[in-house]
C-alpha atoms as a PDB file:
ATOM      1  CA  UNK A   1       8.430 -44.035  20.671  1.00  0.00           C
ATOM      2  CA  UNK A   2       9.506 -40.652  18.842  1.00  0.00           C
ATOM      3  CA  UNK A   3      11.790 -38.155  20.621  1.00  0.00           C
ATOM      4  CA  UNK A   4      10.235 -35.269  22.637  1.00  0.00           C
ATOM      5  CA  UNK A   5      11.710 -32.906  20.010  1.00  0.00           C
ATOM      6  CA  UNK A   6       9.723 -34.277  17.164  1.00  0.00           C
ATOM      7  CA  UNK A   7       6.204 -34.002  18.749  1.00  0.00           C
ATOM      8  CA  UNK A   8       3.951 -30.906  19.288  1.00  0.00           C
ATOM      9  CA  UNK A   9       2.211 -30.515  22.586  1.00  0.00           C
ATOM     10  CA  UNK A  10      -0.352 -28.087  21.724  1.00  0.00           C
ATOM     11  CA  UNK A  11      -3.537 -26.712  23.505  1.00  0.00           C
ATOM     12  CA  UNK A  12      -5.563 -29.364  21.722  1.00  0.00           C
ATOM     13  CA  UNK A  13      -3.300 -32.276  22.843  1.00  0.00           C
ATOM     14  CA  UNK A  14      -3.409 -30.990  26.578  1.00  0.00           C
ATOM     15  CA  UNK A  15      -7.319 -30.787  26.234  1.00  0.00           C
ATOM     16  CA  UNK A  16      -7.360 -34.323  25.071  1.00  0.00           C
ATOM     17  CA  UNK A  17      -4.794 -35.544  27.559  1.00  0.00           C
ATOM     18  CA  UNK A  18      -5.842 -34.200  31.173  1.00  0.00           C
ATOM     19  CA  UNK A  19      -9.404 -35.700  31.022  1.00  0.00           C
ATOM     20  CA  UNK A  20      -7.962 -39.146  30.585  1.00  0.00           C
ATOM     21  CA  UNK A  21      -5.607 -38.804  33.785  1.00  0.00           C
ATOM     22  CA  UNK A  22      -7.222 -39.620  37.362  1.00  0.00           C
ATOM     23  CA  UNK A  23      -6.165 -36.641  39.484  1.00  0.00           C
ATOM     24  CA  UNK A  24      -8.634 -37.574  42.229  1.00  0.00           C
ATOM     25  CA  UNK A  25      -5.992 -38.923  44.698  1.00  0.00           C
ATOM     26  CA  UNK A  26      -4.413 -35.394  45.292  1.00  0.00           C
ATOM     27  CA  UNK A  27      -1.131 -33.977  44.591  1.00  0.00           C
ATOM     28  CA  UNK A  28       1.015 -36.994  46.333  1.00  0.00           C
ATOM     29  CA  UNK A  29      -0.993 -39.784  44.846  1.00  0.00           C
ATOM     30  CA  UNK A  30      -0.199 -41.549  41.562  1.00  0.00           C
ATOM     31  CA  UNK A  31      -2.381 -40.132  38.672  1.00  0.00           C
ATOM     32  CA  UNK A  32      -3.067 -43.208  36.404  1.00  0.00           C
ATOM     33  CA  UNK A  33      -3.708 -42.913  32.719  1.00  0.00           C
ATOM     34  CA  UNK A  34      -7.153 -44.135  32.418  1.00  0.00           C
ATOM     35  CA  UNK A  35      -7.183 -44.480  28.414  1.00  0.00           C
ATOM     36  CA  UNK A  36      -5.409 -46.751  26.040  1.00  0.00           C
ATOM     37  CA  UNK A  37      -2.328 -48.384  27.264  1.00  0.00           C
ATOM     38  CA  UNK A  38       0.370 -50.229  25.463  1.00  0.00           C
ATOM     39  CA  UNK A  39      -0.039 -54.050  25.328  1.00  0.00           C
ATOM     40  CA  UNK A  40       1.668 -56.442  27.929  1.00  0.00           C
ATOM     41  CA  UNK A  41       5.055 -57.606  27.168  1.00  0.00           C
ATOM     42  CA  UNK A  42       7.263 -60.089  29.091  1.00  0.00           C
ATOM     43  CA  UNK A  43       8.849 -58.379  32.304  1.00  0.00           C
ATOM     44  CA  UNK A  44       5.958 -55.711  32.476  1.00  0.00           C
ATOM     45  CA  UNK A  45       4.615 -54.663  35.873  1.00  0.00           C
ATOM     46  CA  UNK A  46       1.745 -56.820  36.111  1.00  0.00           C
ATOM     47  CA  UNK A  47      -0.300 -55.532  38.980  1.00  0.00           C
ATOM     48  CA  UNK A  48       0.402 -52.102  37.915  1.00  0.00           C
ATOM     49  CA  UNK A  49      -0.745 -52.197  34.415  1.00  0.00           C
ATOM     50  CA  UNK A  50       0.918 -50.949  31.461  1.00  0.00           C
ATOM     51  CA  UNK A  51       2.334 -47.553  30.115  1.00  0.00           C
ATOM     52  CA  UNK A  52      -0.246 -45.144  28.876  1.00  0.00           C
ATOM     53  CA  UNK A  53      -0.374 -44.093  25.227  1.00  0.00           C
ATOM     54  CA  UNK A  54      -1.610 -41.165  23.430  1.00  0.00           C
ATOM     55  CA  UNK A  55      -1.564 -39.769  19.847  1.00  0.00           C
ATOM     56  CA  UNK A  56       0.423 -36.720  19.322  1.00  0.00           C
ATOM     57  CA  UNK A  57       1.318 -34.556  16.175  1.00  0.00           C
ATOM     58  CA  UNK A  58       4.937 -34.688  14.666  1.00  0.00           C
ATOM     59  CA  UNK A  59       6.692 -31.796  13.558  1.00  0.00           C
ATOM     60  CA  UNK A  60       9.047 -33.515  11.139  1.00  0.00           C
ATOM     61  CA  UNK A  61       6.081 -34.776   8.918  1.00  0.00           C
ATOM     62  CA  UNK A  62       2.480 -34.276   8.618  1.00  0.00           C
ATOM     63  CA  UNK A  63       1.294 -37.109  10.748  1.00  0.00           C
ATOM     64  CA  UNK A  64       0.367 -38.415  14.190  1.00  0.00           C
ATOM     65  CA  UNK A  65       2.527 -40.875  16.243  1.00  0.00           C
ATOM     66  CA  UNK A  66       1.909 -42.537  19.634  1.00  0.00           C
ATOM     67  CA  UNK A  67       3.909 -41.360  22.699  1.00  0.00           C
ATOM     68  CA  UNK A  68       3.946 -42.566  26.239  1.00  0.00           C
ATOM     69  CA  UNK A  69       1.368 -40.710  28.396  1.00  0.00           C
ATOM     70  CA  UNK A  70       3.799 -40.075  31.335  1.00  0.00           C
ATOM     71  CA  UNK A  71       6.266 -38.527  28.830  1.00  0.00           C
ATOM     72  CA  UNK A  72       3.538 -36.097  27.590  1.00  0.00           C
ATOM     73  CA  UNK A  73       2.696 -35.302  31.285  1.00  0.00           C
ATOM     74  CA  UNK A  74       6.277 -34.318  31.840  1.00  0.00           C
ATOM     75  CA  UNK A  75       6.435 -32.293  28.590  1.00  0.00           C
ATOM     76  CA  UNK A  76       3.343 -30.512  29.608  1.00  0.00           C
ATOM     77  CA  UNK A  77       4.274 -29.750  33.070  1.00  0.00           C
ATOM     78  CA  UNK A  78       8.178 -29.605  33.465  1.00  0.00           C
ATOM     79  CA  UNK A  79       9.555 -29.098  29.851  1.00  0.00           C
ATOM     80  CA  UNK A  80      11.638 -30.848  27.249  1.00  0.00           C
ATOM     81  CA  UNK A  81      13.424 -34.304  27.765  1.00  0.00           C
ATOM     82  CA  UNK A  82      17.082 -33.957  26.720  1.00  0.00           C
ATOM     83  CA  UNK A  83      18.120 -36.159  23.905  1.00  0.00           C
ATOM     84  CA  UNK A  84      19.432 -39.512  25.335  1.00  0.00           C
ATOM     85  CA  UNK A  85      17.367 -39.366  28.429  1.00  0.00           C
ATOM     86  CA  UNK A  86      14.117 -40.942  29.461  1.00  0.00           C
ATOM     87  CA  UNK A  87      11.166 -40.006  31.662  1.00  0.00           C
ATOM     88  CA  UNK A  88      11.303 -42.325  34.698  1.00  0.00           C
ATOM     89  CA  UNK A  89       8.802 -42.919  37.564  1.00  0.00           C
ATOM     90  CA  UNK A  90       9.791 -42.517  41.170  1.00  0.00           C
ATOM     91  CA  UNK A  91       6.670 -44.391  42.158  1.00  0.00           C
ATOM     92  CA  UNK A  92       7.325 -47.557  39.813  1.00  0.00           C
ATOM     93  CA  UNK A  93       3.710 -47.152  38.660  1.00  0.00           C
ATOM     94  CA  UNK A  94       3.826 -47.201  34.612  1.00  0.00           C
ATOM     95  CA  UNK A  95       0.435 -45.652  34.177  1.00  0.00           C
ATOM     96  CA  UNK A  96       1.170 -42.755  36.567  1.00  0.00           C
ATOM     97  CA  UNK A  97       1.237 -39.281  35.066  1.00  0.00           C
ATOM     98  CA  UNK A  98       1.780 -37.224  38.079  1.00  0.00           C
ATOM     99  CA  UNK A  99       4.677 -34.833  37.155  1.00  0.00           C
ATOM    100  CA  UNK A 100       5.699 -34.964  40.881  1.00  0.00           C
ATOM    101  CA  UNK A 101       6.592 -38.643  40.295  1.00  0.00           C
ATOM    102  CA  UNK A 102       8.491 -38.193  37.014  1.00  0.00           C
ATOM    103  CA  UNK A 103      12.143 -37.301  36.553  1.00  0.00           C
ATOM    104  CA  UNK A 104      14.665 -37.673  33.644  1.00  0.00           C
ATOM    105  CA  UNK A 105      17.466 -40.255  33.757  1.00  0.00           C
ATOM    106  CA  UNK A 106      19.498 -42.556  31.553  1.00  0.00           C
ATOM    107  CA  UNK A 107      18.524 -46.022  30.646  1.00  0.00           C
ATOM    108  CA  UNK A 108      21.568 -47.067  32.725  1.00  0.00           C
ATOM    109  CA  UNK A 109      20.085 -45.413  35.700  1.00  0.00           C
ATOM    110  CA  UNK A 110      16.704 -46.837  35.197  1.00  0.00           C
ATOM    111  CA  UNK A 111      18.317 -50.463  35.095  1.00  0.00           C
ATOM    112  CA  UNK A 112      20.075 -49.592  38.462  1.00  0.00           C
ATOM    113  CA  UNK A 113      16.817 -48.468  39.954  1.00  0.00           C
ATOM    114  CA  UNK A 114      15.019 -51.754  38.752  1.00  0.00           C
ATOM    115  CA  UNK A 115      17.714 -53.900  40.245  1.00  0.00           C
ATOM    116  CA  UNK A 116      17.980 -51.971  43.475  1.00  0.00           C
ATOM    117  CA  UNK A 117      14.032 -52.338  44.049  1.00  0.00           C
ATOM    118  CA  UNK A 118      14.113 -55.995  42.737  1.00  0.00           C
ATOM    119  CA  UNK A 119      11.744 -55.306  39.900  1.00  0.00           C
ATOM    120  CA  UNK A 120      12.941 -57.865  37.396  1.00  0.00           C
ATOM    121  CA  UNK A 121      11.929 -61.480  36.325  1.00  0.00           C
ATOM    122  CA  UNK A 122      12.984 -64.182  38.800  1.00  0.00           C
ATOM    123  CA  UNK A 123      12.850 -67.967  38.750  1.00  0.00           C
ATOM    124  CA  UNK A 124      11.470 -68.157  35.242  1.00  0.00           C
ATOM    125  CA  UNK A 125       8.409 -65.950  36.005  1.00  0.00           C
ATOM    126  CA  UNK A 126       7.871 -63.618  33.412  1.00  0.00           C
ATOM    127  CA  UNK A 127       6.425 -60.977  35.580  1.00  0.00           C
ATOM    128  CA  UNK A 128       8.076 -58.623  37.951  1.00  0.00           C
ATOM    129  CA  UNK A 129       6.976 -58.928  41.541  1.00  0.00           C
ATOM    130  CA  UNK A 130       8.413 -57.001  44.370  1.00  0.00           C
ATOM    131  CA  UNK A 131       8.790 -58.569  47.744  1.00  0.00           C
ATOM    132  CA  UNK A 132       6.130 -56.441  49.063  1.00  0.00           C
ATOM    133  CA  UNK A 133       3.671 -57.435  46.215  1.00  0.00           C
ATOM    134  CA  UNK A 134       4.584 -61.133  46.716  1.00  0.00           C
ATOM    135  CA  UNK A 135       4.105 -60.819  50.486  1.00  0.00           C
ATOM    136  CA  UNK A 136       0.589 -59.232  49.669  1.00  0.00           C
ATOM    137  CA  UNK A 137      -0.298 -62.035  47.530  1.00  0.00           C
ATOM    138  CA  UNK A 138       0.822 -64.609  49.894  1.00  0.00           C
ATOM    139  CA  UNK A 139      -1.175 -63.045  52.767  1.00  0.00           C
ATOM    140  CA  UNK A 140      -4.197 -62.968  50.798  1.00  0.00           C
ATOM    141  CA  UNK A 141      -3.780 -66.602  49.773  1.00  0.00           C
ATOM    142  CA  UNK A 142      -3.278 -67.696  53.249  1.00  0.00           C
ATOM    143  CA  UNK A 143      -6.239 -65.863  54.686  1.00  0.00           C
ATOM    144  CA  UNK A 144      -8.289 -68.134  52.437  1.00  0.00           C
ATOM    145  CA  UNK A 145      -9.089 -65.884  49.405  1.00  0.00           C
ATOM    146  CA  UNK A 146     -10.331 -67.974  46.369  1.00  0.00           C
ATOM    147  CA  UNK A 147      -7.558 -68.515  43.780  1.00  0.00           C
ATOM    148  CA  UNK A 148      -9.447 -67.138  40.851  1.00  0.00           C
ATOM    149  CA  UNK A 149     -10.534 -63.989  42.721  1.00  0.00           C
ATOM    150  CA  UNK A 150      -6.836 -63.389  43.795  1.00  0.00           C
ATOM    151  CA  UNK A 151      -5.562 -63.891  40.306  1.00  0.00           C
ATOM    152  CA  UNK A 152      -7.928 -61.611  38.914  1.00  0.00           C
ATOM    153  CA  UNK A 153      -7.672 -59.138  41.764  1.00  0.00           C
ATOM    154  CA  UNK A 154      -3.802 -58.597  41.547  1.00  0.00           C
ATOM    155  CA  UNK A 155      -3.318 -59.467  37.828  1.00  0.00           C
ATOM    156  CA  UNK A 156      -1.438 -62.579  38.600  1.00  0.00           C
ATOM    157  CA  UNK A 157      -1.681 -65.431  36.005  1.00  0.00           C
ATOM    158  CA  UNK A 158      -2.651 -68.744  37.635  1.00  0.00           C
ATOM    159  CA  UNK A 159       0.733 -70.312  36.693  1.00  0.00           C
ATOM    160  CA  UNK A 160       2.650 -67.496  38.321  1.00  0.00           C
ATOM    161  CA  UNK A 161       0.739 -67.826  41.543  1.00  0.00           C
ATOM    162  CA  UNK A 162       2.130 -71.243  42.251  1.00  0.00           C
ATOM    163  CA  UNK A 163       5.627 -69.857  41.361  1.00  0.00           C
ATOM    164  CA  UNK A 164       5.277 -67.068  43.745  1.00  0.00           C
ATOM    165  CA  UNK A 165       3.846 -69.244  46.441  1.00  0.00           C
ATOM    166  CA  UNK A 166       6.528 -71.918  46.305  1.00  0.00           C
ATOM    167  CA  UNK A 167       9.322 -69.273  46.136  1.00  0.00           C
ATOM    168  CA  UNK A 168       7.871 -67.949  49.363  1.00  0.00           C
ATOM    169  CA  UNK A 169       7.682 -71.293  51.174  1.00  0.00           C
ATOM    170  CA  UNK A 170       3.912 -71.981  50.725  1.00  0.00           C
ATOM    171  CA  UNK A 171       2.657 -75.202  49.534  1.00  0.00           C
ATOM    172  CA  UNK A 172      -0.165 -74.437  46.742  1.00  0.00           C
ATOM    173  CA  UNK A 173      -3.508 -76.018  47.305  1.00  0.00           C
ATOM    174  CA  UNK A 174      -2.701 -76.758  51.047  1.00  0.00           C
ATOM    175  CA  UNK A 175      -2.579 -72.989  52.363  1.00  0.00           C
ATOM    176  CA  UNK A 176       0.193 -73.693  54.833  1.00  0.00           C
ATOM    177  CA  UNK A 177       4.088 -73.306  54.695  1.00  0.00           C
ATOM    178  CA  UNK A 178       5.992 -76.087  53.055  1.00  0.00           C
ATOM    179  CA  UNK A 179       8.223 -76.496  56.099  1.00  0.00           C
ATOM    180  CA  UNK A 180       7.226 -74.832  59.362  1.00  0.00           C
ATOM    181  CA  UNK A 181      10.787 -74.525  60.380  1.00  0.00           C
ATOM    182  CA  UNK A 182      11.823 -72.652  57.244  1.00  0.00           C
ATOM    183  CA  UNK A 183      11.621 -68.949  57.350  1.00  0.00           C
ATOM    184  CA  UNK A 184       9.266 -67.579  54.512  1.00  0.00           C
ATOM    185  CA  UNK A 185       8.608 -63.995  53.322  1.00  0.00           C
ATOM    186  CA  UNK A 186       4.739 -64.242  54.211  1.00  0.00           C
END
């Protein structure tokens, strides 16, 4: 992605930008980017979706480039991003473009935040699942929700569902804990 200093955020870009953001939840809610998003990559936040993208004009050459939607929201509402810093989400929701949820920080600060909130691949699972997300998945599974519906509803690949269930002490296909005496998250 280009640096913020090499893109133009003009009236036309703003006019194209805001209709693609769902602000219906109010000032405190996430404002998800509803248009094009970057493709999934290993370690992305599965149930939240992926980072939004938008074409913007370049100042250093007569062309267009792709920029993160949340970064454009920050540039429109807050101002420039200093060199060497990134636009980070306090809400941990990659498509969110609410400027109240965005702040600048270093890549190191983002890595520390990720570790603190347990947003990293674990146990060979390529997706990042927080304890709360895993708990919700386990609860829905134990309540009898059909596996395909559960996977589609929260964006869990079928193979990852078994990993998540076993990691939380649940025997897949039996809908009961592996060991009643063991303490599980769900």
